[in-house]
Amino acid sequence: MGEVRSIDVQGYSCPYPLHITLMEMSKIGQGDRLEILLDNPPSCEDIPIAAGKKGYKVLEVTKLDETLRKIVLEK
């Protein structure tokens, strides 16, 4: 496992969490991971789909509480 980065996109609505996530994924190295904290339900569905299309691995989608989710991607 490589480096692990985290971003917090709570409070942002679509499409910003997705755009921010993809921008951050483009900056990390192969084998590195990105943890995303978010509270926008549509983004919880959109990010894993878009990540898969880009060839990234979706390692985790976790419900932390009623609104907060964590997604972990690997490049």
Protein backbone atom coordinates (compact mmCIF):
# COMPACT_ATOMS: atom_id res chain seq x y z
CA MET A 1 0.00 0.00 0.00
CA GLY A 2 1.22 3.47 -0.88
CA GLU A 3 0.37 6.88 0.45
CA VAL A 4 -3.10 7.62 1.85
CA ARG A 5 -4.62 11.07 1.30
CA SER A 6 -7.89 12.37 2.70
CA ILE A 7 -10.30 15.01 1.47
CA ASP A 8 -13.42 16.37 3.13
CA VAL A 9 -16.14 17.47 0.72
CA GLN A 10 -18.94 17.76 3.27
CA GLY A 11 -21.33 20.56 2.46
CA TYR A 12 -20.70 20.40 -1.29
CA SER A 13 -23.47 19.35 -3.65
CA CYS A 14 -23.21 17.63 -7.02
CA PRO A 15 -21.15 17.74 -9.11
CA TYR A 16 -18.42 19.26 -6.90
CA PRO A 17 -17.58 16.20 -4.74
CA LEU A 18 -17.07 14.14 -7.90
CA HIS A 19 -14.94 16.78 -9.63
CA ILE A 20 -12.80 17.35 -6.53
CA THR A 21 -12.34 13.58 -6.09
CA LEU A 22 -11.27 13.03 -9.70
CA MET A 23 -8.90 16.00 -9.52
CA GLU A 24 -7.27 14.59 -6.37
CA MET A 25 -7.05 11.10 -7.88
CA SER A 26 -5.14 12.53 -10.84
CA LYS A 27 -2.54 13.92 -8.41
CA ILE A 28 -1.76 10.71 -6.51
CA GLY A 29 0.56 7.90 -7.53
CA GLN A 30 -0.26 4.39 -8.66
CA GLY A 31 -1.17 2.23 -5.64
CA ASP A 32 -1.99 5.27 -3.48
CA ARG A 33 -5.35 5.68 -1.79
CA LEU A 34 -7.78 8.54 -1.37
CA GLU A 35 -10.29 8.71 1.49
CA ILE A 36 -13.29 10.94 0.80
CA LEU A 37 -15.63 12.20 3.53
CA LEU A 38 -18.94 13.40 2.12
CA ASP A 39 -22.56 14.03 3.00
CA ASN A 40 -24.17 14.36 -0.43
CA PRO A 41 -26.21 11.18 -1.19
CA PRO A 42 -26.06 11.40 -5.01
CA SER A 43 -22.27 11.76 -4.84
CA CYS A 44 -22.09 8.56 -2.79
CA GLU A 45 -23.42 6.76 -5.86
CA ASP A 46 -21.70 8.85 -8.56
CA ILE A 47 -18.15 8.71 -7.19
CA PRO A 48 -17.79 4.89 -7.11
CA ILE A 49 -19.29 4.61 -10.62
CA ALA A 50 -17.01 7.29 -12.08
CA ALA A 51 -13.97 5.87 -10.26
CA GLY A 52 -14.62 2.43 -11.71
CA LYS A 53 -14.88 3.87 -15.21
CA LYS A 54 -11.49 5.55 -14.71
CA GLY A 55 -9.96 2.24 -13.64
CA TYR A 56 -9.69 3.08 -9.94
CA LYS A 57 -10.51 0.47 -7.30
CA VAL A 58 -13.38 1.19 -4.92
CA LEU A 59 -12.14 -0.31 -1.66
CA GLU A 60 -14.79 0.95 0.72
CA VAL A 61 -18.10 2.80 0.90
CA THR A 62 -19.05 3.20 4.55
CA LYS A 63 -21.97 4.89 6.25
CA LEU A 64 -20.47 6.65 9.28
CA ASP A 65 -23.72 8.19 10.56
CA GLU A 66 -27.09 9.36 9.21
CA THR A 67 -25.53 11.71 6.66
CA LEU A 68 -21.77 11.17 6.67
CA ARG A 69 -20.15 8.63 4.33
CA LYS A 70 -16.57 7.58 3.65
CA ILE A 71 -15.36 6.30 0.30
CA VAL A 72 -11.88 4.86 -0.15
CA LEU A 73 -10.41 4.63 -3.65
CA GLU A 74 -7.12 3.21 -4.86
CA LYS A 75 -5.35 4.31 -8.01
